[in-house]
Amino acid sequence: MLGIKVDKSENKLVKRWQFTKVVVPFADIVEVAFDPTYAGSDKTAIRIGIPYGATNRLLIRTKITNYILFTTNAEFLEIKSILL
């Protein structure tokens, strides 16, 4: 399982990658944006995924912390469809 799996569960966003599971309530999400920088512009963000070979970086800002998801094009489109 190399890719990130993102699911919608009731009113929560569930992100899974390798042995990590992160659950974020939709009410806590402030912004979802594309991050064009290589390593992510937010230095304190939690990084999920492998940055090498990833073509898209998705920044999810929440009230508590920020997440950068390193994804391929197919995963990016799947995640985008879940969040919109």
PDB file of N, CA and C in Angstrom:
ATOM      1  N   MET A   1       0.843  -1.182   0.000  1.00  0.00           N
ATOM      2  CA  MET A   1       0.000   0.000   0.000  1.00  0.00           C
ATOM      3  C   MET A   1       0.884   1.240   0.000  1.00  0.00           C
ATOM      4  N   LEU A   2       1.225   1.727  -1.147  1.00  0.00           N
ATOM      5  CA  LEU A   2       2.072   2.899  -1.229  1.00  0.00           C
ATOM      6  C   LEU A   2       1.285   4.197  -1.236  1.00  0.00           C
ATOM      7  N   GLY A   3       0.086   4.174  -1.768  1.00  0.00           N
ATOM      8  CA  GLY A   3      -0.688   5.387  -1.915  1.00  0.00           C
ATOM      9  C   GLY A   3      -1.460   5.753  -0.670  1.00  0.00           C
ATOM     10  N   ILE A   4      -1.945   6.974  -0.668  1.00  0.00           N
ATOM     11  CA  ILE A   4      -2.764   7.479   0.424  1.00  0.00           C
ATOM     12  C   ILE A   4      -4.209   7.126   0.131  1.00  0.00           C
ATOM     13  N   LYS A   5      -4.913   6.655   1.140  1.00  0.00           N
ATOM     14  CA  LYS A   5      -6.329   6.362   0.989  1.00  0.00           C
ATOM     15  C   LYS A   5      -7.103   7.377   1.822  1.00  0.00           C
ATOM     16  N   VAL A   6      -8.031   8.076   1.196  1.00  0.00           N
ATOM     17  CA  VAL A   6      -8.846   9.073   1.876  1.00  0.00           C
ATOM     18  C   VAL A   6     -10.301   8.676   1.732  1.00  0.00           C
ATOM     19  N   ASP A   7     -11.000   8.640   2.875  1.00  0.00           N
ATOM     20  CA  ASP A   7     -12.413   8.278   2.880  1.00  0.00           C
ATOM     21  C   ASP A   7     -13.215   9.324   3.629  1.00  0.00           C
ATOM     22  N   LYS A   8     -14.504   9.354   3.316  1.00  0.00           N
ATOM     23  CA  LYS A   8     -15.441  10.208   4.019  1.00  0.00           C
ATOM     24  C   LYS A   8     -16.256   9.292   4.931  1.00  0.00           C
ATOM     25  N   SER A   9     -16.235   9.575   6.231  1.00  0.00           N
ATOM     26  CA  SER A   9     -16.962   8.762   7.195  1.00  0.00           C
ATOM     27  C   SER A   9     -17.812   9.679   8.051  1.00  0.00           C
ATOM     28  N   GLU A  10     -19.124   9.647   7.832  1.00  0.00           N
ATOM     29  CA  GLU A  10     -20.074  10.540   8.506  1.00  0.00           C
ATOM     30  C   GLU A  10     -19.633  11.983   8.323  1.00  0.00           C
ATOM     31  N   ASN A  11     -19.205  12.646   9.393  1.00  0.00           N
ATOM     32  CA  ASN A  11     -18.776  14.047   9.279  1.00  0.00           C
ATOM     33  C   ASN A  11     -17.277  14.176   9.479  1.00  0.00           C
ATOM     34  N   LYS A  12     -16.524  13.123   9.102  1.00  0.00           N
ATOM     35  CA  LYS A  12     -15.079  13.113   9.299  1.00  0.00           C
ATOM     36  C   LYS A  12     -14.353  12.726   8.013  1.00  0.00           C
ATOM     37  N   LEU A  13     -13.139  13.220   7.890  1.00  0.00           N
ATOM     38  CA  LEU A  13     -12.239  12.837   6.813  1.00  0.00           C
ATOM     39  C   LEU A  13     -11.228  11.869   7.410  1.00  0.00           C
ATOM     40  N   VAL A  14     -11.105  10.681   6.824  1.00  0.00           N
ATOM     41  CA  VAL A  14     -10.189   9.662   7.331  1.00  0.00           C
ATOM     42  C   VAL A  14      -9.091   9.461   6.297  1.00  0.00           C
ATOM     43  N   LYS A  15      -7.835   9.708   6.728  1.00  0.00           N
ATOM     44  CA  LYS A  15      -6.677   9.547   5.843  1.00  0.00           C
ATOM     45  C   LYS A  15      -5.862   8.365   6.356  1.00  0.00           C
ATOM     46  N   ARG A  16      -5.528   7.449   5.453  1.00  0.00           N
ATOM     47  CA  ARG A  16      -4.712   6.293   5.818  1.00  0.00           C
ATOM     48  C   ARG A  16      -3.517   6.211   4.876  1.00  0.00           C
ATOM     49  N   TRP A  17      -2.370   5.932   5.484  1.00  0.00           N
ATOM     50  CA  TRP A  17      -1.156   5.713   4.708  1.00  0.00           C
ATOM     51  C   TRP A  17      -0.253   4.812   5.526  1.00  0.00           C
ATOM     52  N   GLN A  18       0.147   3.699   4.949  1.00  0.00           N
ATOM     53  CA  GLN A  18       0.924   2.666   5.624  1.00  0.00           C
ATOM     54  C   GLN A  18       0.211   2.285   6.928  1.00  0.00           C
ATOM     55  N   PHE A  19       0.810   2.497   8.097  1.00  0.00           N
ATOM     56  CA  PHE A  19       0.174   2.138   9.362  1.00  0.00           C
ATOM     57  C   PHE A  19      -0.420   3.339  10.083  1.00  0.00           C
ATOM     58  N   THR A  20      -0.528   4.463   9.385  1.00  0.00           N
ATOM     59  CA  THR A  20      -1.026   5.698   9.990  1.00  0.00           C
ATOM     60  C   THR A  20      -2.486   5.906   9.626  1.00  0.00           C
ATOM     61  N   LYS A  21      -3.263   6.325  10.616  1.00  0.00           N
ATOM     62  CA  LYS A  21      -4.660   6.684  10.388  1.00  0.00           C
ATOM     63  C   LYS A  21      -4.898   8.035  11.052  1.00  0.00           C
ATOM     64  N   VAL A  22      -5.336   9.012  10.263  1.00  0.00           N
ATOM     65  CA  VAL A  22      -5.607  10.358  10.760  1.00  0.00           C
ATOM     66  C   VAL A  22      -7.073  10.659  10.501  1.00  0.00           C
ATOM     67  N   VAL A  23      -7.785  11.060  11.552  1.00  0.00           N
ATOM     68  CA  VAL A  23      -9.203  11.395  11.446  1.00  0.00           C
ATOM     69  C   VAL A  23      -9.365  12.880  11.750  1.00  0.00           C
ATOM     70  N   VAL A  24      -9.971  13.608  10.810  1.00  0.00           N
ATOM     71  CA  VAL A  24     -10.186  15.047  10.966  1.00  0.00           C
ATOM     72  C   VAL A  24     -11.667  15.341  10.738  1.00  0.00           C
ATOM     73  N   PRO A  25     -12.344  15.942  11.724  1.00  0.00           N
ATOM     74  CA  PRO A  25     -13.738  16.346  11.495  1.00  0.00           C
ATOM     75  C   PRO A  25     -13.821  17.427  10.420  1.00  0.00           C
ATOM     76  N   PHE A  26     -14.845  17.342   9.577  1.00  0.00           N
ATOM     77  CA  PHE A  26     -15.002  18.341   8.517  1.00  0.00           C
ATOM     78  C   PHE A  26     -15.155  19.743   9.090  1.00  0.00           C
ATOM     79  N   ALA A  27     -15.715  19.863  10.293  1.00  0.00           N
ATOM     80  CA  ALA A  27     -15.898  21.172  10.922  1.00  0.00           C
ATOM     81  C   ALA A  27     -14.557  21.830  11.250  1.00  0.00           C
ATOM     82  N   ASP A  28     -13.498  21.037  11.416  1.00  0.00           N
ATOM     83  CA  ASP A  28     -12.178  21.573  11.737  1.00  0.00           C
ATOM     84  C   ASP A  28     -11.385  22.002  10.502  1.00  0.00           C
ATOM     85  N   ILE A  29     -11.804  21.579   9.315  1.00  0.00           N
ATOM     86  CA  ILE A  29     -11.069  21.923   8.090  1.00  0.00           C
ATOM     87  C   ILE A  29     -11.351  23.374   7.716  1.00  0.00           C
ATOM     88  N   VAL A  30     -10.278  24.155   7.614  1.00  0.00           N
ATOM     89  CA  VAL A  30     -10.378  25.569   7.286  1.00  0.00           C
ATOM     90  C   VAL A  30     -10.195  25.799   5.795  1.00  0.00           C
ATOM     91  N   GLU A  31      -9.228  25.073   5.188  1.00  0.00           N
ATOM     92  CA  GLU A  31      -8.908  25.291   3.777  1.00  0.00           C
ATOM     93  C   GLU A  31      -8.290  24.034   3.182  1.00  0.00           C
ATOM     94  N   VAL A  32      -8.595  23.791   1.929  1.00  0.00           N
ATOM     95  CA  VAL A  32      -7.950  22.735   1.147  1.00  0.00           C
ATOM     96  C   VAL A  32      -7.413  23.397  -0.102  1.00  0.00           C
ATOM     97  N   ALA A  33      -6.096  23.276  -0.314  1.00  0.00           N
ATOM     98  CA  ALA A  33      -5.471  23.972  -1.447  1.00  0.00           C
ATOM     99  C   ALA A  33      -4.365  23.125  -2.046  1.00  0.00           C
ATOM    100  N   PHE A  34      -4.043  23.408  -3.283  1.00  0.00           N
ATOM    101  CA  PHE A  34      -2.922  22.781  -3.976  1.00  0.00           C
ATOM    102  C   PHE A  34      -1.658  23.530  -3.559  1.00  0.00           C
ATOM    103  N   ASP A  35      -0.612  22.810  -3.179  1.00  0.00           N
ATOM    104  CA  ASP A  35       0.651  23.428  -2.779  1.00  0.00           C
ATOM    105  C   ASP A  35       1.682  23.164  -3.875  1.00  0.00           C
ATOM    106  N   PRO A  36       2.092  24.186  -4.619  1.00  0.00           N
ATOM    107  CA  PRO A  36       3.000  23.985  -5.750  1.00  0.00           C
ATOM    108  C   PRO A  36       4.473  23.796  -5.371  1.00  0.00           C
ATOM    109  N   THR A  37       4.824  23.966  -4.097  1.00  0.00           N
ATOM    110  CA  THR A  37       6.229  23.840  -3.700  1.00  0.00           C
ATOM    111  C   THR A  37       6.617  22.366  -3.572  1.00  0.00           C
ATOM    112  N   TYR A  38       7.912  22.095  -3.667  1.00  0.00           N
ATOM    113  CA  TYR A  38       8.388  20.705  -3.647  1.00  0.00           C
ATOM    114  C   TYR A  38       8.153  20.015  -2.308  1.00  0.00           C
ATOM    115  N   ALA A  39       8.548  20.659  -1.213  1.00  0.00           N
ATOM    116  CA  ALA A  39       8.451  20.036   0.109  1.00  0.00           C
ATOM    117  C   ALA A  39       7.272  20.546   0.913  1.00  0.00           C
ATOM    118  N   GLY A  40       6.507  21.452   0.357  1.00  0.00           N
ATOM    119  CA  GLY A  40       5.385  22.032   1.085  1.00  0.00           C
ATOM    120  C   GLY A  40       5.791  23.354   1.703  1.00  0.00           C
ATOM    121  N   SER A  41       4.927  24.331   1.613  1.00  0.00           N
ATOM    122  CA  SER A  41       5.265  25.670   2.097  1.00  0.00           C
ATOM    123  C   SER A  41       5.166  25.797   3.617  1.00  0.00           C
ATOM    124  N   ASP A  42       4.337  24.979   4.256  1.00  0.00           N
ATOM    125  CA  ASP A  42       4.173  25.033   5.709  1.00  0.00           C
ATOM    126  C   ASP A  42       5.196  24.104   6.362  1.00  0.00           C
ATOM    127  N   LYS A  43       6.156  24.679   7.052  1.00  0.00           N
ATOM    128  CA  LYS A  43       7.250  23.887   7.639  1.00  0.00           C
ATOM    129  C   LYS A  43       6.797  23.043   8.825  1.00  0.00           C
ATOM    130  N   THR A  44       5.694  23.396   9.479  1.00  0.00           N
ATOM    131  CA  THR A  44       5.225  22.653  10.650  1.00  0.00           C
ATOM    132  C   THR A  44       4.150  21.626  10.315  1.00  0.00           C
ATOM    133  N   ALA A  45       3.757  21.535   9.058  1.00  0.00           N
ATOM    134  CA  ALA A  45       2.679  20.618   8.661  1.00  0.00           C
ATOM    135  C   ALA A  45       3.096  19.160   8.794  1.00  0.00           C
ATOM    136  N   ILE A  46       2.132  18.312   9.047  1.00  0.00           N
ATOM    137  CA  ILE A  46       2.364  16.870   9.081  1.00  0.00           C
ATOM    138  C   ILE A  46       2.311  16.378   7.645  1.00  0.00           C
ATOM    139  N   ARG A  47       3.369  15.702   7.220  1.00  0.00           N
ATOM    140  CA  ARG A  47       3.459  15.226   5.840  1.00  0.00           C
ATOM    141  C   ARG A  47       3.040  13.770   5.763  1.00  0.00           C
ATOM    142  N   ILE A  48       2.155  13.485   4.815  1.00  0.00           N
ATOM    143  CA  ILE A  48       1.648  12.129   4.621  1.00  0.00           C
ATOM    144  C   ILE A  48       1.917  11.736   3.178  1.00  0.00           C
ATOM    145  N   GLY A  49       2.594  10.623   2.989  1.00  0.00           N
ATOM    146  CA  GLY A  49       2.927  10.158   1.652  1.00  0.00           C
ATOM    147  C   GLY A  49       4.407  10.316   1.367  1.00  0.00           C
ATOM    148  N   ILE A  50       4.798   9.870   0.193  1.00  0.00           N
ATOM    149  CA  ILE A  50       6.196   9.927  -0.227  1.00  0.00           C
ATOM    150  C   ILE A  50       6.369  11.100  -1.192  1.00  0.00           C
ATOM    151  N   PRO A  51       7.236  12.072  -0.861  1.00  0.00           N
ATOM    152  CA  PRO A  51       7.376  13.230  -1.738  1.00  0.00           C
ATOM    153  C   PRO A  51       8.066  12.921  -3.065  1.00  0.00           C
ATOM    154  N   TYR A  52       8.834  11.845  -3.115  1.00  0.00           N
ATOM    155  CA  TYR A  52       9.571  11.503  -4.334  1.00  0.00           C
ATOM    156  C   TYR A  52       8.627  10.897  -5.362  1.00  0.00           C
ATOM    157  N   GLY A  53       8.562  11.489  -6.503  1.00  0.00           N
ATOM    158  CA  GLY A  53       7.705  10.979  -7.567  1.00  0.00           C
ATOM    159  C   GLY A  53       6.257  11.408  -7.451  1.00  0.00           C
ATOM    160  N   ALA A  54       5.911  12.124  -6.389  1.00  0.00           N
ATOM    161  CA  ALA A  54       4.538  12.609  -6.231  1.00  0.00           C
ATOM    162  C   ALA A  54       4.375  13.868  -7.070  1.00  0.00           C
ATOM    163  N   THR A  55       3.314  13.910  -7.854  1.00  0.00           N
ATOM    164  CA  THR A  55       3.113  15.050  -8.735  1.00  0.00           C
ATOM    165  C   THR A  55       2.232  16.119  -8.126  1.00  0.00           C
ATOM    166  N   ASN A  56       1.490  15.783  -7.086  1.00  0.00           N
ATOM    167  CA  ASN A  56       0.594  16.754  -6.463  1.00  0.00           C
ATOM    168  C   ASN A  56       0.820  16.805  -4.961  1.00  0.00           C
ATOM    169  N   ARG A  57       0.722  18.006  -4.439  1.00  0.00           N
ATOM    170  CA  ARG A  57       0.819  18.210  -3.003  1.00  0.00           C
ATOM    171  C   ARG A  57      -0.434  18.954  -2.568  1.00  0.00           C
ATOM    172  N   LEU A  58      -1.211  18.314  -1.736  1.00  0.00           N
ATOM    173  CA  LEU A  58      -2.473  18.882  -1.281  1.00  0.00           C
ATOM    174  C   LEU A  58      -2.306  19.351   0.156  1.00  0.00           C
ATOM    175  N   LEU A  59      -2.589  20.618   0.414  1.00  0.00           N
ATOM    176  CA  LEU A  59      -2.473  21.197   1.743  1.00  0.00           C
ATOM    177  C   LEU A  59      -3.865  21.255   2.364  1.00  0.00           C
ATOM    178  N   ILE A  60      -4.008  20.626   3.517  1.00  0.00           N
ATOM    179  CA  ILE A  60      -5.273  20.669   4.262  1.00  0.00           C
ATOM    180  C   ILE A  60      -4.997  21.416   5.556  1.00  0.00           C
ATOM    181  N   ARG A  61      -5.546  22.611   5.664  1.00  0.00           N
ATOM    182  CA  ARG A  61      -5.389  23.419   6.878  1.00  0.00           C
ATOM    183  C   ARG A  61      -6.575  23.141   7.799  1.00  0.00           C
ATOM    184  N   THR A  62      -6.273  22.877   9.065  1.00  0.00           N
ATOM    185  CA  THR A  62      -7.325  22.668  10.057  1.00  0.00           C
ATOM    186  C   THR A  62      -7.129  23.660  11.188  1.00  0.00           C
ATOM    187  N   LYS A  63      -8.077  23.681  12.123  1.00  0.00           N
ATOM    188  CA  LYS A  63      -7.991  24.589  13.264  1.00  0.00           C
ATOM    189  C   LYS A  63      -6.810  24.240  14.161  1.00  0.00           C
ATOM    190  N   ILE A  64      -6.422  22.965  14.189  1.00  0.00           N
ATOM    191  CA  ILE A  64      -5.373  22.517  15.103  1.00  0.00           C
ATOM    192  C   ILE A  64      -4.015  22.408  14.412  1.00  0.00           C
ATOM    193  N   THR A  65      -3.957  21.717  13.293  1.00  0.00           N
ATOM    194  CA  THR A  65      -2.695  21.508  12.585  1.00  0.00           C
ATOM    195  C   THR A  65      -2.946  21.463  11.087  1.00  0.00           C
ATOM    196  N   ASN A  66      -1.878  21.431  10.319  1.00  0.00           N
ATOM    197  CA  ASN A  66      -1.982  21.367   8.866  1.00  0.00           C
ATOM    198  C   ASN A  66      -1.368  20.066   8.365  1.00  0.00           C
ATOM    199  N   TYR A  67      -1.873  19.592   7.242  1.00  0.00           N
ATOM    200  CA  TYR A  67      -1.400  18.344   6.641  1.00  0.00           C
ATOM    201  C   TYR A  67      -1.035  18.596   5.193  1.00  0.00           C
ATOM    202  N   ILE A  68       0.063  17.989   4.752  1.00  0.00           N
ATOM    203  CA  ILE A  68       0.427  18.008   3.333  1.00  0.00           C
ATOM    204  C   ILE A  68       0.376  16.568   2.852  1.00  0.00           C
ATOM    205  N   LEU A  69      -0.455  16.312   1.847  1.00  0.00           N
ATOM    206  CA  LEU A  69      -0.585  14.974   1.272  1.00  0.00           C
ATOM    207  C   LEU A  69       0.170  14.941  -0.040  1.00  0.00           C
ATOM    208  N   PHE A  70       1.173  14.076  -0.121  1.00  0.00           N
ATOM    209  CA  PHE A  70       1.937  13.887  -1.361  1.00  0.00           C
ATOM    210  C   PHE A  70       1.243  12.780  -2.141  1.00  0.00           C
ATOM    211  N   THR A  71       0.712  13.106  -3.308  1.00  0.00           N
ATOM    212  CA  THR A  71      -0.092  12.145  -4.058  1.00  0.00           C
ATOM    213  C   THR A  71       0.309  12.102  -5.521  1.00  0.00           C
ATOM    214  N   THR A  72      -0.136  11.043  -6.177  1.00  0.00           N
ATOM    215  CA  THR A  72      -0.010  10.964  -7.625  1.00  0.00           C
ATOM    216  C   THR A  72      -1.244  11.613  -8.228  1.00  0.00           C
ATOM    217  N   ASN A  73      -1.279  11.738  -9.501  1.00  0.00           N
ATOM    218  CA  ASN A  73      -2.396  12.388 -10.172  1.00  0.00           C
ATOM    219  C   ASN A  73      -3.721  11.671  -9.919  1.00  0.00           C
ATOM    220  N   ALA A  74      -3.737  10.357  -9.987  1.00  0.00           N
ATOM    221  CA  ALA A  74      -4.975   9.593  -9.788  1.00  0.00           C
ATOM    222  C   ALA A  74      -5.486   9.745  -8.357  1.00  0.00           C
ATOM    223  N   GLU A  75      -4.577   9.644  -7.379  1.00  0.00           N
ATOM    224  CA  GLU A  75      -4.981   9.810  -5.983  1.00  0.00           C
ATOM    225  C   GLU A  75      -5.496  11.217  -5.728  1.00  0.00           C
ATOM    226  N   PHE A  76      -4.850  12.205  -6.347  1.00  0.00           N
ATOM    227  CA  PHE A  76      -5.254  13.596  -6.185  1.00  0.00           C
ATOM    228  C   PHE A  76      -6.694  13.797  -6.640  1.00  0.00           C
ATOM    229  N   LEU A  77      -7.036  13.247  -7.786  1.00  0.00           N
ATOM    230  CA  LEU A  77      -8.390  13.391  -8.309  1.00  0.00           C
ATOM    231  C   LEU A  77      -9.410  12.693  -7.412  1.00  0.00           C
ATOM    232  N   GLU A  78      -9.033  11.536  -6.843  1.00  0.00           N
ATOM    233  CA  GLU A  78      -9.929  10.820  -5.940  1.00  0.00           C
ATOM    234  C   GLU A  78     -10.151  11.615  -4.651  1.00  0.00           C
ATOM    235  N   ILE A  79      -9.078  12.151  -4.088  1.00  0.00           N
ATOM    236  CA  ILE A  79      -9.178  12.940  -2.867  1.00  0.00           C
ATOM    237  C   ILE A  79      -9.998  14.207  -3.109  1.00  0.00           C
ATOM    238  N   LYS A  80      -9.758  14.847  -4.242  1.00  0.00           N
ATOM    239  CA  LYS A  80     -10.484  16.066  -4.593  1.00  0.00           C
ATOM    240  C   LYS A  80     -11.984  15.784  -4.697  1.00  0.00           C
ATOM    241  N   SER A  81     -12.354  14.648  -5.272  1.00  0.00           N
ATOM    242  CA  SER A  81     -13.771  14.331  -5.396  1.00  0.00           C
ATOM    243  C   SER A  81     -14.414  14.060  -4.036  1.00  0.00           C
ATOM    244  N   ILE A  82     -13.655  13.536  -3.081  1.00  0.00           N
ATOM    245  CA  ILE A  82     -14.180  13.284  -1.748  1.00  0.00           C
ATOM    246  C   ILE A  82     -14.372  14.589  -0.998  1.00  0.00           C
ATOM    247  N   LEU A  83     -13.433  15.502  -1.140  1.00  0.00           N
ATOM    248  CA  LEU A  83     -13.496  16.761  -0.385  1.00  0.00           C
ATOM    249  C   LEU A  83     -14.479  17.763  -0.948  1.00  0.00           C
ATOM    250  N   LEU A  84     -14.793  17.672  -2.220  1.00  0.00           N
ATOM    251  CA  LEU A  84     -15.715  18.652  -2.816  1.00  0.00           C
ATOM    252  C   LEU A  84     -17.143  18.187  -2.793  1.00  0.00           C
TER     253      LEU A  84
END
